[in-house]
Amino acid sequence: MTDWRKAKLPVFAFLAPATLIYTLFMIYPLIDSIRLSFFSATNGGDLAFVGLDNYRTVLSDPDWSHTFWNSFWNNMKFFAVHMLVQNPIGIALAAVLSLPRLKFRNSYRTLIFMPTMLSVVIVGFIWQLILSPVWGVGADILDIVGLKSLFGPWLGKEGSALITLAFISVWQWVGIPMMLIYAALLAIPEDLVDAAIVDGASHFEVFWYIKLPLVLPTVAMVSILTFVGNFNAFDLIYAVKGALAGPNFSTDIMGTLFYRTFFGYQLQLGNPTLGATVASLMFLIILAGVLFYLFVVQRRLSRYQL
C-alpha cells in the first residue's frame, strides 16, 4: 500500500479548483459577452450574426456615438482625477507614516483606511447630505474657515458634478495606494536611510532620492490598478446620480452606459447585444491600458536589488 505522505500530486491538481472557479465566473462570462456582441436580436427573438455591425453602431451611429464618446471622455476625466490627486496623496501619506519618529502612526493609518471598508451606497448618501444646499453641513464647515462663498450645488451642476464625484471616490479609496506604497517603503533596508541621514540628507531628500526610486514599481502597479478600477467604476455614480447619470449625462461613465444599454432604464429598453458590445469595448480599453503598462512602462522602470 502506497504511503500517502510519499505520494506527490501534480501541480495542476492544486490549481484546478481555483482555475475552475475563475473560469466559470470570469473567463466564460467574458468570452460569452464578446460572442454576444457579434449578434443582433431579430423580431422573432432569435439571434442573428451581424459581425462588427454592433461596434459600428456604438462608435459611429448618431443615436449612439455621442453617448458612448461622452461616457468614454467622462471616464478619462474620472481616471485623471484619481491619478493626479489620489495617488500623489497616497504617496505623501505613506511617506509621512513611514517616518520613524511619528507618534500614533497606527491610529492615523487606521483612520485613513477606514473609508475603504464602507459601502459605496453609504458613502454616496453621506456625501449627498454633506453637500446638499438645503440641509447639508458643507456650507457651515466652509463658513468656519471663511470660505462659505465658495460653496455651491456642486453635485447639481454639469460642470462640477463629475469632478465632485471623483473627489468623493478619492476620499474613499486613497487608503489602498497608501497601504501598498507604505508596505513597499517598509521593505527598504534601514541601512540605506541611516547612511543618507549620516551624510546630512533631510527626510525629504531621503524620500525623493532614495525611497521613491525604490518604490516606483509599486507606484506603477498602483497606477494600473487605478486605471482598471476606474474603467470598471459604476456603483458610486449609480448610488448618487442613478442610471441616468445626471445632470444631463454629465456624470455618465462607461459602467452606467453599459447598465442602461443592457438592462434598460425607464423609457429606454434593454438591448443585450448592444450592451455586450459596450462591455466588450470596455474590456478592450482596459486591455489596451494593461498592455501599455506591461510593454512600455514596466520595461522602462529601473529596478534595484534591496
C-alpha atoms as a PDB file:
ATOM      1  CA  MET A   1       0.000   0.000   0.000  1.00  0.00           C
ATOM      2  CA  THR A   2       1.412   3.381  -1.023  1.00  0.00           C
ATOM      3  CA  ASP A   3       2.167   5.769   1.822  1.00  0.00           C
ATOM      4  CA  TRP A   4       0.008   8.854   1.230  1.00  0.00           C
ATOM      5  CA  ARG A   5       2.749  11.038   2.668  1.00  0.00           C
ATOM      6  CA  LYS A   6       5.086   9.971  -0.127  1.00  0.00           C
ATOM      7  CA  ALA A   7       2.512  10.389  -2.889  1.00  0.00           C
ATOM      8  CA  LYS A   8       3.046  13.505  -4.982  1.00  0.00           C
ATOM      9  CA  LEU A   9       0.169  15.224  -6.737  1.00  0.00           C
ATOM     10  CA  PRO A  10       0.849  17.129  -9.936  1.00  0.00           C
ATOM     11  CA  VAL A  11       0.874  20.904  -9.739  1.00  0.00           C
ATOM     12  CA  PHE A  12      -2.310  21.322 -11.780  1.00  0.00           C
ATOM     13  CA  ALA A  13      -4.229  19.319  -9.158  1.00  0.00           C
ATOM     14  CA  PHE A  14      -3.663  22.133  -6.663  1.00  0.00           C
ATOM     15  CA  LEU A  15      -4.500  24.823  -9.222  1.00  0.00           C
ATOM     16  CA  ALA A  16      -7.593  23.073 -10.571  1.00  0.00           C
ATOM     17  CA  PRO A  17     -10.195  24.314  -8.004  1.00  0.00           C
ATOM     18  CA  ALA A  18      -9.196  27.979  -8.271  1.00  0.00           C
ATOM     19  CA  THR A  19      -8.833  27.715 -12.064  1.00  0.00           C
ATOM     20  CA  LEU A  20     -12.262  26.102 -12.395  1.00  0.00           C
ATOM     21  CA  ILE A  21     -13.991  28.751 -10.275  1.00  0.00           C
ATOM     22  CA  TYR A  22     -12.214  31.621 -12.054  1.00  0.00           C
ATOM     23  CA  THR A  23     -13.048  30.162 -15.462  1.00  0.00           C
ATOM     24  CA  LEU A  24     -16.689  29.627 -14.553  1.00  0.00           C
ATOM     25  CA  PHE A  25     -17.349  33.069 -13.108  1.00  0.00           C
ATOM     26  CA  MET A  26     -14.841  35.266 -15.014  1.00  0.00           C
ATOM     27  CA  ILE A  27     -13.481  33.770 -18.233  1.00  0.00           C
ATOM     28  CA  TYR A  28     -16.704  32.177 -19.517  1.00  0.00           C
ATOM     29  CA  PRO A  29     -18.900  35.306 -18.996  1.00  0.00           C
ATOM     30  CA  LEU A  30     -16.233  37.438 -20.689  1.00  0.00           C
ATOM     31  CA  ILE A  31     -15.968  35.172 -23.731  1.00  0.00           C
ATOM     32  CA  ASP A  32     -19.747  34.826 -23.955  1.00  0.00           C
ATOM     33  CA  SER A  33     -20.197  38.626 -23.801  1.00  0.00           C
ATOM     34  CA  ILE A  34     -17.721  39.069 -26.639  1.00  0.00           C
ATOM     35  CA  ARG A  35     -19.544  36.374 -28.613  1.00  0.00           C
ATOM     36  CA  LEU A  36     -22.905  38.052 -27.979  1.00  0.00           C
ATOM     37  CA  SER A  37     -21.579  41.377 -29.280  1.00  0.00           C
ATOM     38  CA  PHE A  38     -21.381  39.868 -32.796  1.00  0.00           C
ATOM     39  CA  PHE A  39     -25.096  39.054 -32.849  1.00  0.00           C
ATOM     40  CA  SER A  40     -28.324  41.008 -33.001  1.00  0.00           C
ATOM     41  CA  ALA A  41     -31.832  40.036 -31.960  1.00  0.00           C
ATOM     42  CA  THR A  42     -34.403  39.563 -34.739  1.00  0.00           C
ATOM     43  CA  ASN A  43     -38.090  40.417 -34.475  1.00  0.00           C
ATOM     44  CA  GLY A  44     -38.772  36.819 -33.507  1.00  0.00           C
ATOM     45  CA  GLY A  45     -36.300  36.980 -30.638  1.00  0.00           C
ATOM     46  CA  ASP A  46     -33.661  34.817 -32.306  1.00  0.00           C
ATOM     47  CA  LEU A  47     -30.025  35.873 -32.567  1.00  0.00           C
ATOM     48  CA  ALA A  48     -28.584  36.615 -35.999  1.00  0.00           C
ATOM     49  CA  PHE A  49     -24.868  37.007 -36.688  1.00  0.00           C
ATOM     50  CA  VAL A  50     -24.097  40.614 -37.765  1.00  0.00           C
ATOM     51  CA  GLY A  51     -20.305  40.718 -37.464  1.00  0.00           C
ATOM     52  CA  LEU A  52     -18.995  44.147 -36.490  1.00  0.00           C
ATOM     53  CA  ASP A  53     -22.271  45.988 -37.098  1.00  0.00           C
ATOM     54  CA  ASN A  54     -22.893  46.499 -33.380  1.00  0.00           C
ATOM     55  CA  TYR A  55     -19.466  48.081 -32.974  1.00  0.00           C
ATOM     56  CA  ARG A  56     -20.110  50.392 -35.934  1.00  0.00           C
ATOM     57  CA  THR A  57     -23.436  51.357 -34.376  1.00  0.00           C
ATOM     58  CA  VAL A  58     -21.969  52.186 -30.975  1.00  0.00           C
ATOM     59  CA  LEU A  59     -18.934  54.026 -32.358  1.00  0.00           C
ATOM     60  CA  SER A  60     -20.390  55.894 -35.339  1.00  0.00           C
ATOM     61  CA  ASP A  61     -24.204  55.868 -35.361  1.00  0.00           C
ATOM     62  CA  PRO A  62     -25.528  59.353 -34.424  1.00  0.00           C
ATOM     63  CA  ASP A  63     -28.005  57.871 -31.952  1.00  0.00           C
ATOM     64  CA  TRP A  64     -25.288  56.006 -30.045  1.00  0.00           C
ATOM     65  CA  SER A  65     -21.863  57.503 -30.740  1.00  0.00           C
ATOM     66  CA  HIS A  66     -22.421  60.775 -28.863  1.00  0.00           C
ATOM     67  CA  THR A  67     -23.472  58.900 -25.724  1.00  0.00           C
ATOM     68  CA  PHE A  68     -20.592  56.441 -25.979  1.00  0.00           C
ATOM     69  CA  TRP A  69     -17.872  59.060 -26.523  1.00  0.00           C
ATOM     70  CA  ASN A  70     -19.360  61.248 -23.803  1.00  0.00           C
ATOM     71  CA  SER A  71     -19.134  58.371 -21.312  1.00  0.00           C
ATOM     72  CA  PHE A  72     -15.614  57.496 -22.509  1.00  0.00           C
ATOM     73  CA  TRP A  73     -14.235  61.018 -22.017  1.00  0.00           C
ATOM     74  CA  ASN A  74     -16.021  61.319 -18.675  1.00  0.00           C
ATOM     75  CA  ASN A  75     -14.298  58.096 -17.666  1.00  0.00           C
ATOM     76  CA  MET A  76     -10.960  59.567 -18.736  1.00  0.00           C
ATOM     77  CA  LYS A  77     -11.607  62.652 -16.575  1.00  0.00           C
ATOM     78  CA  PHE A  78     -12.610  60.422 -13.664  1.00  0.00           C
ATOM     79  CA  PHE A  79      -9.369  58.462 -14.073  1.00  0.00           C
ATOM     80  CA  ALA A  80      -7.254  61.618 -14.429  1.00  0.00           C
ATOM     81  CA  VAL A  81      -8.506  62.985 -11.101  1.00  0.00           C
ATOM     82  CA  HIS A  82      -7.545  59.734  -9.376  1.00  0.00           C
ATOM     83  CA  MET A  83      -4.109  59.698 -10.995  1.00  0.00           C
ATOM     84  CA  LEU A  84      -3.345  63.362 -10.272  1.00  0.00           C
ATOM     85  CA  VAL A  85      -4.930  63.568  -6.802  1.00  0.00           C
ATOM     86  CA  GLN A  86      -5.443  60.143  -5.225  1.00  0.00           C
ATOM     87  CA  ASN A  87      -2.090  58.551  -5.999  1.00  0.00           C
ATOM     88  CA  PRO A  88       0.109  61.567  -5.081  1.00  0.00           C
ATOM     89  CA  ILE A  89      -1.817  61.923  -1.803  1.00  0.00           C
ATOM     90  CA  GLY A  90      -1.379  58.182  -1.202  1.00  0.00           C
ATOM     91  CA  ILE A  91       2.375  58.507  -1.775  1.00  0.00           C
ATOM     92  CA  ALA A  92       2.600  61.526   0.551  1.00  0.00           C
ATOM     93  CA  LEU A  93       0.602  59.812   3.300  1.00  0.00           C
ATOM     94  CA  ALA A  94       2.727  56.673   3.013  1.00  0.00           C
ATOM     95  CA  ALA A  95       5.897  58.772   3.252  1.00  0.00           C
ATOM     96  CA  VAL A  96       4.654  60.542   6.388  1.00  0.00           C
ATOM     97  CA  LEU A  97       3.530  57.303   8.034  1.00  0.00           C
ATOM     98  CA  SER A  98       6.941  55.746   7.370  1.00  0.00           C
ATOM     99  CA  LEU A  99       8.749  58.426   9.395  1.00  0.00           C
ATOM    100  CA  PRO A 100      10.415  56.623  12.318  1.00  0.00           C
ATOM    101  CA  ARG A 101       9.554  59.227  14.970  1.00  0.00           C
ATOM    102  CA  LEU A 102       5.896  59.687  14.042  1.00  0.00           C
ATOM    103  CA  LYS A 103       3.615  59.028  17.023  1.00  0.00           C
ATOM    104  CA  PHE A 104       0.232  57.303  16.719  1.00  0.00           C
ATOM    105  CA  ARG A 105       1.019  56.123  13.174  1.00  0.00           C
ATOM    106  CA  ASN A 106      -1.155  53.035  13.602  1.00  0.00           C
ATOM    107  CA  SER A 107      -4.145  55.195  14.536  1.00  0.00           C
ATOM    108  CA  TYR A 108      -3.603  57.512  11.571  1.00  0.00           C
ATOM    109  CA  ARG A 109      -3.248  54.548   9.230  1.00  0.00           C
ATOM    110  CA  THR A 110      -6.482  53.000  10.503  1.00  0.00           C
ATOM    111  CA  LEU A 111      -8.458  56.236  10.233  1.00  0.00           C
ATOM    112  CA  ILE A 112      -7.276  56.888   6.669  1.00  0.00           C
ATOM    113  CA  PHE A 113      -8.031  53.329   5.573  1.00  0.00           C
ATOM    114  CA  MET A 114     -11.470  53.125   7.231  1.00  0.00           C
ATOM    115  CA  PRO A 115     -13.477  54.723   4.354  1.00  0.00           C
ATOM    116  CA  THR A 116     -12.427  51.887   2.020  1.00  0.00           C
ATOM    117  CA  MET A 117     -14.388  49.479   4.224  1.00  0.00           C
ATOM    118  CA  LEU A 118     -17.616  51.464   3.946  1.00  0.00           C
ATOM    119  CA  SER A 119     -20.350  50.588   1.471  1.00  0.00           C
ATOM    120  CA  VAL A 120     -20.342  52.805  -1.601  1.00  0.00           C
ATOM    121  CA  VAL A 121     -24.072  53.388  -1.105  1.00  0.00           C
ATOM    122  CA  ILE A 122     -23.413  54.695   2.410  1.00  0.00           C
ATOM    123  CA  VAL A 123     -20.559  56.893   1.172  1.00  0.00           C
ATOM    124  CA  GLY A 124     -22.734  58.369  -1.587  1.00  0.00           C
ATOM    125  CA  PHE A 125     -25.622  59.021   0.797  1.00  0.00           C
ATOM    126  CA  ILE A 126     -23.370  60.668   3.406  1.00  0.00           C
ATOM    127  CA  TRP A 127     -21.760  62.998   0.874  1.00  0.00           C
ATOM    128  CA  GLN A 128     -25.133  63.881  -0.613  1.00  0.00           C
ATOM    129  CA  LEU A 129     -26.194  65.012   2.867  1.00  0.00           C
ATOM    130  CA  ILE A 130     -22.960  66.943   3.397  1.00  0.00           C
ATOM    131  CA  LEU A 131     -23.089  68.725   0.032  1.00  0.00           C
ATOM    132  CA  SER A 132     -26.830  69.383  -0.081  1.00  0.00           C
ATOM    133  CA  PRO A 133     -27.503  73.130  -0.484  1.00  0.00           C
ATOM    134  CA  VAL A 134     -30.675  72.771   1.610  1.00  0.00           C
ATOM    135  CA  TRP A 135     -29.686  70.817   4.726  1.00  0.00           C
ATOM    136  CA  GLY A 136     -26.034  69.918   4.166  1.00  0.00           C
ATOM    137  CA  VAL A 137     -23.312  70.858   6.622  1.00  0.00           C
ATOM    138  CA  GLY A 138     -20.791  71.636   3.877  1.00  0.00           C
ATOM    139  CA  ALA A 139     -21.647  75.336   3.854  1.00  0.00           C
ATOM    140  CA  ASP A 140     -21.280  75.543   7.656  1.00  0.00           C
ATOM    141  CA  ILE A 141     -17.891  73.818   7.556  1.00  0.00           C
ATOM    142  CA  LEU A 142     -16.619  76.239   4.915  1.00  0.00           C
ATOM    143  CA  ASP A 143     -18.061  79.138   6.893  1.00  0.00           C
ATOM    144  CA  ILE A 144     -15.817  78.202   9.836  1.00  0.00           C
ATOM    145  CA  VAL A 145     -12.715  78.798   7.696  1.00  0.00           C
ATOM    146  CA  GLY A 146     -14.200  81.823   5.928  1.00  0.00           C
ATOM    147  CA  LEU A 147     -14.820  80.132   2.578  1.00  0.00           C
ATOM    148  CA  LYS A 148     -18.613  79.891   2.596  1.00  0.00           C
ATOM    149  CA  SER A 149     -18.794  81.983  -0.587  1.00  0.00           C
ATOM    150  CA  LEU A 150     -17.183  79.070  -2.477  1.00  0.00           C
ATOM    151  CA  PHE A 151     -19.974  76.648  -1.551  1.00  0.00           C
ATOM    152  CA  GLY A 152     -22.436  75.726  -4.268  1.00  0.00           C
ATOM    153  CA  PRO A 153     -24.617  72.876  -5.525  1.00  0.00           C
ATOM    154  CA  TRP A 154     -21.601  71.059  -6.912  1.00  0.00           C
ATOM    155  CA  LEU A 155     -23.455  67.771  -7.432  1.00  0.00           C
ATOM    156  CA  GLY A 156     -26.216  69.585  -9.347  1.00  0.00           C
ATOM    157  CA  LYS A 157     -24.077  71.443 -11.879  1.00  0.00           C
ATOM    158  CA  GLU A 158     -22.985  69.873 -15.147  1.00  0.00           C
ATOM    159  CA  GLY A 159     -19.522  71.398 -14.931  1.00  0.00           C
ATOM    160  CA  SER A 160     -18.726  70.233 -11.402  1.00  0.00           C
ATOM    161  CA  ALA A 161     -20.777  67.076 -10.734  1.00  0.00           C
ATOM    162  CA  LEU A 162     -18.283  64.591 -12.233  1.00  0.00           C
ATOM    163  CA  ILE A 163     -15.247  66.197 -10.563  1.00  0.00           C
ATOM    164  CA  THR A 164     -17.078  66.263  -7.229  1.00  0.00           C
ATOM    165  CA  LEU A 165     -17.892  62.559  -7.505  1.00  0.00           C
ATOM    166  CA  ALA A 166     -14.271  61.859  -8.439  1.00  0.00           C
ATOM    167  CA  PHE A 167     -13.076  63.631  -5.276  1.00  0.00           C
ATOM    168  CA  ILE A 168     -15.568  61.634  -3.209  1.00  0.00           C
ATOM    169  CA  SER A 169     -14.137  58.456  -4.756  1.00  0.00           C
ATOM    170  CA  VAL A 170     -10.608  59.689  -3.975  1.00  0.00           C
ATOM    171  CA  TRP A 171     -11.599  60.258  -0.331  1.00  0.00           C
ATOM    172  CA  GLN A 172     -12.930  56.717  -0.095  1.00  0.00           C
ATOM    173  CA  TRP A 173     -10.149  54.811  -1.865  1.00  0.00           C
ATOM    174  CA  VAL A 174      -6.958  56.765  -1.090  1.00  0.00           C
ATOM    175  CA  GLY A 175      -6.209  54.258   1.684  1.00  0.00           C
ATOM    176  CA  ILE A 176      -5.419  51.484  -0.812  1.00  0.00           C
ATOM    177  CA  PRO A 177      -2.498  53.165  -2.644  1.00  0.00           C
ATOM    178  CA  MET A 178      -1.323  54.495   0.723  1.00  0.00           C
ATOM    179  CA  MET A 179      -1.125  50.991   2.206  1.00  0.00           C
ATOM    180  CA  LEU A 180       0.535  49.433  -0.858  1.00  0.00           C
ATOM    181  CA  ILE A 181       3.210  52.122  -1.048  1.00  0.00           C
ATOM    182  CA  TYR A 182       3.609  52.143   2.732  1.00  0.00           C
ATOM    183  CA  ALA A 183       4.326  48.400   2.660  1.00  0.00           C
ATOM    184  CA  ALA A 184       6.913  48.963  -0.086  1.00  0.00           C
ATOM    185  CA  LEU A 185       8.576  51.719   1.949  1.00  0.00           C
ATOM    186  CA  LEU A 186       8.824  49.455   4.996  1.00  0.00           C
ATOM    187  CA  ALA A 187      10.698  46.889   2.883  1.00  0.00           C
ATOM    188  CA  ILE A 188      13.539  49.366   2.202  1.00  0.00           C
ATOM    189  CA  PRO A 189      16.597  48.485   4.349  1.00  0.00           C
ATOM    190  CA  GLU A 190      17.222  50.920   7.175  1.00  0.00           C
ATOM    191  CA  ASP A 191      20.948  50.925   6.346  1.00  0.00           C
ATOM    192  CA  LEU A 192      20.323  52.974   3.204  1.00  0.00           C
ATOM    193  CA  VAL A 193      18.265  55.547   5.087  1.00  0.00           C
ATOM    194  CA  ASP A 194      20.684  55.768   8.001  1.00  0.00           C
ATOM    195  CA  ALA A 195      23.650  56.238   5.655  1.00  0.00           C
ATOM    196  CA  ALA A 196      21.890  59.102   3.862  1.00  0.00           C
ATOM    197  CA  ILE A 197      20.962  60.795   7.152  1.00  0.00           C
ATOM    198  CA  VAL A 198      24.551  60.491   8.389  1.00  0.00           C
ATOM    199  CA  ASP A 199      25.658  62.208   5.164  1.00  0.00           C
ATOM    200  CA  GLY A 200      23.377  65.125   6.049  1.00  0.00           C
ATOM    201  CA  ALA A 201      20.293  64.383   3.935  1.00  0.00           C
ATOM    202  CA  SER A 202      16.934  65.647   5.171  1.00  0.00           C
ATOM    203  CA  HIS A 203      13.871  63.398   5.430  1.00  0.00           C
ATOM    204  CA  PHE A 204      12.522  64.894   2.186  1.00  0.00           C
ATOM    205  CA  GLU A 205      15.806  64.266   0.360  1.00  0.00           C
ATOM    206  CA  VAL A 206      15.924  60.715   1.684  1.00  0.00           C
ATOM    207  CA  PHE A 207      12.423  60.101   0.361  1.00  0.00           C
ATOM    208  CA  TRP A 208      12.929  61.836  -3.002  1.00  0.00           C
ATOM    209  CA  TYR A 209      16.346  60.455  -3.925  1.00  0.00           C
ATOM    210  CA  ILE A 210      16.341  57.048  -2.195  1.00  0.00           C
ATOM    211  CA  LYS A 211      12.910  55.784  -1.219  1.00  0.00           C
ATOM    212  CA  LEU A 212      10.835  56.978  -4.189  1.00  0.00           C
ATOM    213  CA  PRO A 213      13.063  55.387  -6.883  1.00  0.00           C
ATOM    214  CA  LEU A 214      12.944  52.121  -4.953  1.00  0.00           C
ATOM    215  CA  VAL A 215       9.135  52.049  -4.774  1.00  0.00           C
ATOM    216  CA  LEU A 216       8.487  53.197  -8.365  1.00  0.00           C
ATOM    217  CA  PRO A 217       7.486  49.642  -9.451  1.00  0.00           C
ATOM    218  CA  THR A 218       4.827  49.680  -6.720  1.00  0.00           C
ATOM    219  CA  VAL A 219       3.672  53.144  -7.808  1.00  0.00           C
ATOM    220  CA  ALA A 220       3.369  51.851 -11.382  1.00  0.00           C
ATOM    221  CA  MET A 221       1.341  48.864 -10.183  1.00  0.00           C
ATOM    222  CA  VAL A 222      -0.939  51.191  -8.204  1.00  0.00           C
ATOM    223  CA  SER A 223      -1.410  53.292 -11.353  1.00  0.00           C
ATOM    224  CA  ILE A 224      -2.539  50.352 -13.466  1.00  0.00           C
ATOM    225  CA  LEU A 225      -4.856  49.167 -10.681  1.00  0.00           C
ATOM    226  CA  THR A 226      -6.316  52.682 -10.604  1.00  0.00           C
ATOM    227  CA  PHE A 227      -6.860  52.557 -14.370  1.00  0.00           C
ATOM    228  CA  VAL A 228      -8.599  49.182 -14.258  1.00  0.00           C
ATOM    229  CA  GLY A 229     -10.720  50.156 -11.258  1.00  0.00           C
ATOM    230  CA  ASN A 230     -11.824  53.462 -12.773  1.00  0.00           C
ATOM    231  CA  PHE A 231     -12.896  51.946 -16.084  1.00  0.00           C
ATOM    232  CA  ASN A 232     -14.886  49.371 -14.117  1.00  0.00           C
ATOM    233  CA  ALA A 233     -16.461  52.062 -11.955  1.00  0.00           C
ATOM    234  CA  PHE A 234     -20.239  52.127 -11.647  1.00  0.00           C
ATOM    235  CA  ASP A 235     -21.500  51.934  -8.078  1.00  0.00           C
ATOM    236  CA  LEU A 236     -20.720  55.463  -6.818  1.00  0.00           C
ATOM    237  CA  ILE A 237     -22.235  57.165  -9.873  1.00  0.00           C
ATOM    238  CA  TYR A 238     -25.307  54.934  -9.671  1.00  0.00           C
ATOM    239  CA  ALA A 239     -25.707  55.449  -5.911  1.00  0.00           C
ATOM    240  CA  VAL A 240     -25.552  59.251  -6.141  1.00  0.00           C
ATOM    241  CA  LYS A 241     -26.920  60.041  -9.606  1.00  0.00           C
ATOM    242  CA  GLY A 242     -28.790  56.930 -10.702  1.00  0.00           C
ATOM    243  CA  ALA A 243     -28.520  55.180 -14.057  1.00  0.00           C
ATOM    244  CA  LEU A 244     -29.204  58.406 -15.992  1.00  0.00           C
ATOM    245  CA  ALA A 245     -26.007  59.887 -14.510  1.00  0.00           C
ATOM    246  CA  GLY A 246     -27.323  63.433 -14.347  1.00  0.00           C
ATOM    247  CA  PRO A 247     -27.419  66.271 -14.671  1.00  0.00           C
ATOM    248  CA  ASN A 248     -27.843  65.836 -18.424  1.00  0.00           C
ATOM    249  CA  PHE A 249     -25.491  62.795 -18.530  1.00  0.00           C
ATOM    250  CA  SER A 250     -22.576  64.918 -17.283  1.00  0.00           C
ATOM    251  CA  THR A 251     -21.545  62.123 -14.878  1.00  0.00           C
ATOM    252  CA  ASP A 252     -22.192  59.284 -17.323  1.00  0.00           C
ATOM    253  CA  ILE A 253     -19.303  56.816 -17.486  1.00  0.00           C
ATOM    254  CA  MET A 254     -18.962  53.533 -19.331  1.00  0.00           C
ATOM    255  CA  GLY A 255     -20.299  51.495 -16.416  1.00  0.00           C
ATOM    256  CA  THR A 256     -23.579  53.425 -16.283  1.00  0.00           C
ATOM    257  CA  LEU A 257     -23.829  53.401 -20.085  1.00  0.00           C
ATOM    258  CA  PHE A 258     -23.456  49.618 -20.068  1.00  0.00           C
ATOM    259  CA  TYR A 259     -26.136  49.286 -17.380  1.00  0.00           C
ATOM    260  CA  ARG A 260     -28.683  51.367 -19.309  1.00  0.00           C
ATOM    261  CA  THR A 261     -27.876  49.689 -22.604  1.00  0.00           C
ATOM    262  CA  PHE A 262     -28.014  46.103 -21.376  1.00  0.00           C
ATOM    263  CA  PHE A 263     -30.804  46.225 -18.799  1.00  0.00           C
ATOM    264  CA  GLY A 264     -32.722  49.306 -19.936  1.00  0.00           C
ATOM    265  CA  TYR A 265     -33.863  52.159 -17.727  1.00  0.00           C
ATOM    266  CA  GLN A 266     -37.172  53.992 -17.553  1.00  0.00           C
ATOM    267  CA  LEU A 267     -38.276  54.518 -21.181  1.00  0.00           C
ATOM    268  CA  GLN A 268     -35.092  53.009 -22.666  1.00  0.00           C
ATOM    269  CA  LEU A 269     -35.496  49.325 -23.490  1.00  0.00           C
ATOM    270  CA  GLY A 270     -32.651  46.959 -22.755  1.00  0.00           C
ATOM    271  CA  ASN A 271     -30.623  45.608 -25.656  1.00  0.00           C
ATOM    272  CA  PRO A 272     -28.388  42.699 -24.562  1.00  0.00           C
ATOM    273  CA  THR A 273     -26.371  42.577 -27.796  1.00  0.00           C
ATOM    274  CA  LEU A 274     -25.521  46.297 -27.777  1.00  0.00           C
ATOM    275  CA  GLY A 275     -24.910  46.036 -24.035  1.00  0.00           C
ATOM    276  CA  ALA A 276     -22.461  43.213 -24.692  1.00  0.00           C
ATOM    277  CA  THR A 277     -20.811  45.432 -27.308  1.00  0.00           C
ATOM    278  CA  VAL A 278     -20.314  48.233 -24.776  1.00  0.00           C
ATOM    279  CA  ALA A 279     -18.928  45.704 -22.275  1.00  0.00           C
ATOM    280  CA  SER A 280     -16.544  44.340 -24.926  1.00  0.00           C
ATOM    281  CA  LEU A 281     -15.325  47.860 -25.718  1.00  0.00           C
ATOM    282  CA  MET A 282     -14.731  48.419 -22.003  1.00  0.00           C
ATOM    283  CA  PHE A 283     -12.673  45.223 -21.937  1.00  0.00           C
ATOM    284  CA  LEU A 284     -10.645  46.286 -24.977  1.00  0.00           C
ATOM    285  CA  ILE A 285      -9.899  49.692 -23.436  1.00  0.00           C
ATOM    286  CA  ILE A 286      -8.776  48.096 -20.174  1.00  0.00           C
ATOM    287  CA  LEU A 287      -6.730  45.504 -22.086  1.00  0.00           C
ATOM    288  CA  ALA A 288      -5.012  48.262 -24.092  1.00  0.00           C
ATOM    289  CA  GLY A 289      -4.128  50.111 -20.889  1.00  0.00           C
ATOM    290  CA  VAL A 290      -2.728  46.980 -19.237  1.00  0.00           C
ATOM    291  CA  LEU A 291      -0.676  46.051 -22.327  1.00  0.00           C
ATOM    292  CA  PHE A 292       0.693  49.604 -22.495  1.00  0.00           C
ATOM    293  CA  TYR A 293       1.805  49.250 -18.874  1.00  0.00           C
ATOM    294  CA  LEU A 294       3.374  45.820 -19.399  1.00  0.00           C
ATOM    295  CA  PHE A 295       5.255  46.520 -22.635  1.00  0.00           C
ATOM    296  CA  VAL A 296       6.030  50.242 -22.341  1.00  0.00           C
ATOM    297  CA  VAL A 297       6.014  51.422 -18.734  1.00  0.00           C
ATOM    298  CA  GLN A 298       7.222  48.332 -16.881  1.00  0.00           C
ATOM    299  CA  ARG A 299      10.166  47.762 -19.222  1.00  0.00           C
ATOM    300  CA  ARG A 300      11.405  51.313 -18.652  1.00  0.00           C
ATOM    301  CA  LEU A 301      11.272  51.128 -14.866  1.00  0.00           C
ATOM    302  CA  SER A 302      14.621  50.835 -13.127  1.00  0.00           C
ATOM    303  CA  ARG A 303      14.564  48.076 -10.539  1.00  0.00           C
ATOM    304  CA  TYR A 304      17.015  47.953  -7.676  1.00  0.00           C
ATOM    305  CA  GLN A 305      18.068  44.967  -5.650  1.00  0.00           C
ATOM    306  CA  LEU A 306      17.234  45.563  -1.998  1.00  0.00           C
END
